[in-house]
Amino acid sequence: MTADDSFSRLEDDDYPAYTMGRAAEMLGTTQGFLRAIGEARLITPLRSTGGHRRYSRYQLRIAARARELVDGGTPIEAACRIVILEDQLEEAKRINAEHQRKTQP
């Protein structure tokens, strides 16, 4: 792997570049919060060879949305379900728009 390969990975939203500590720091939350949303199956961090959790930028955006809801008083389980449903809705909208583009003359 070259240095260019390593840097290009940092642009990949799905590359697990952040440790649990760094992810919690970036989100302004605790590691316990990240564990809790993992247990609620909102996100599943990848594991390093040493077994440490690693998070991608995409996962951090999902976690940030959950934190926003929890900070607003939503229970964590409900917040996780809301975020999952929001994500599914966005995907459905994307698929629908793609389908419409393909079927329009």
Protein backbone atom coordinates (compact mmCIF):
# COMPACT_ATOMS: atom_id res chain seq x y z
CA MET A 1 0.00 0.00 0.00
CA THR A 2 1.34 3.41 -0.93
CA ALA A 3 0.97 6.66 0.98
CA ASP A 4 -1.53 7.81 -1.65
CA ASP A 5 -3.65 4.73 -0.95
CA SER A 6 -3.64 5.52 2.77
CA PHE A 7 -4.68 9.13 2.23
CA SER A 8 -7.42 8.22 -0.24
CA ARG A 9 -8.93 5.92 2.37
CA LEU A 10 -9.43 8.93 4.63
CA GLU A 11 -11.80 10.33 2.00
CA ASP A 12 -13.87 7.11 2.11
CA ASP A 13 -16.96 7.59 4.31
CA ASP A 14 -16.96 3.87 5.14
CA TYR A 15 -13.30 3.54 6.14
CA PRO A 16 -13.06 2.85 9.91
CA ALA A 17 -10.49 5.53 10.69
CA TYR A 18 -11.54 6.60 14.21
CA THR A 19 -10.95 4.89 17.53
CA MET A 20 -13.71 4.82 20.11
CA GLY A 21 -11.99 7.50 22.17
CA ARG A 22 -11.53 9.81 19.20
CA ALA A 23 -15.08 9.18 17.97
CA ALA A 24 -16.53 10.03 21.40
CA GLU A 25 -14.38 13.16 21.55
CA MET A 26 -15.47 14.29 18.09
CA LEU A 27 -19.14 13.75 18.98
CA GLY A 28 -18.83 15.34 22.40
CA THR A 29 -20.19 12.23 24.06
CA THR A 30 -18.97 9.29 26.08
CA GLN A 31 -17.64 5.94 25.03
CA GLY A 32 -20.58 4.45 26.91
CA PHE A 33 -22.96 6.21 24.52
CA LEU A 34 -21.15 4.64 21.57
CA ARG A 35 -21.36 1.23 23.22
CA ALA A 36 -25.09 1.75 23.88
CA ILE A 37 -25.92 2.61 20.27
CA GLY A 38 -23.84 -0.38 19.23
CA GLU A 39 -25.85 -2.62 21.56
CA ALA A 40 -29.04 -1.12 20.08
CA ARG A 41 -27.63 -2.14 16.67
CA LEU A 42 -27.70 1.36 15.26
CA ILE A 43 -24.07 1.04 14.21
CA THR A 44 -21.66 -1.86 14.22
CA PRO A 45 -18.08 -0.65 14.45
CA LEU A 46 -15.38 -2.69 12.83
CA ARG A 47 -12.73 -4.18 15.08
CA SER A 48 -9.00 -3.68 14.78
CA THR A 49 -6.72 -6.70 14.92
CA GLY A 50 -6.38 -5.96 18.63
CA GLY A 51 -10.17 -6.00 19.09
CA HIS A 52 -10.63 -2.23 19.44
CA ARG A 53 -13.71 -0.57 17.94
CA ARG A 54 -13.14 1.58 14.86
CA TYR A 55 -15.70 3.98 13.42
CA SER A 56 -16.20 5.45 9.95
CA ARG A 57 -17.33 8.97 9.13
CA TYR A 58 -20.70 7.58 8.04
CA GLN A 59 -21.11 5.89 11.42
CA LEU A 60 -20.15 9.11 13.18
CA ARG A 61 -22.87 11.01 11.31
CA ILE A 62 -25.42 8.36 12.34
CA ALA A 63 -24.19 8.52 15.96
CA ALA A 64 -24.36 12.33 15.92
CA ARG A 65 -28.01 12.22 14.83
CA ALA A 66 -28.81 9.74 17.61
CA ARG A 67 -27.05 11.95 20.13
CA GLU A 68 -29.07 14.94 18.94
CA LEU A 69 -32.29 13.05 19.59
CA VAL A 70 -31.12 11.74 22.99
CA ASP A 71 -30.02 15.23 24.01
CA GLY A 72 -33.56 16.37 23.13
CA GLY A 73 -35.04 13.87 25.57
CA THR A 74 -35.70 10.85 23.35
CA PRO A 75 -34.83 7.51 24.99
CA ILE A 76 -31.80 5.91 23.37
CA GLU A 77 -33.68 2.89 22.00
CA ALA A 78 -36.30 5.15 20.40
CA ALA A 79 -33.59 7.48 19.05
CA CYS A 80 -31.85 4.54 17.42
CA ARG A 81 -35.09 3.36 15.83
CA ILE A 82 -35.84 6.87 14.53
CA VAL A 83 -32.39 7.15 12.98
CA ILE A 84 -32.76 3.74 11.33
CA LEU A 85 -36.13 4.74 9.90
CA GLU A 86 -34.76 8.08 8.68
CA ASP A 87 -31.90 6.27 6.95
CA GLN A 88 -34.29 3.78 5.33
CA LEU A 89 -36.51 6.63 4.13
CA GLU A 90 -33.57 8.43 2.53
CA GLU A 91 -32.52 5.22 0.78
CA ALA A 92 -36.08 4.65 -0.48
CA LYS A 93 -36.21 8.21 -1.80
CA ARG A 94 -32.89 7.72 -3.58
CA ILE A 95 -34.06 4.46 -5.17
CA ASN A 96 -37.37 6.03 -6.19
CA ALA A 97 -35.64 9.02 -7.81
CA GLU A 98 -33.27 6.69 -9.66
CA HIS A 99 -36.20 4.58 -10.87
CA GLN A 100 -38.05 7.67 -12.07
CA ARG A 101 -35.00 8.88 -14.00
CA LYS A 102 -34.71 5.52 -15.74
CA THR A 103 -38.41 5.27 -16.67
CA GLN A 104 -38.93 8.82 -17.94
CA PRO A 105 -38.64 9.28 -21.71
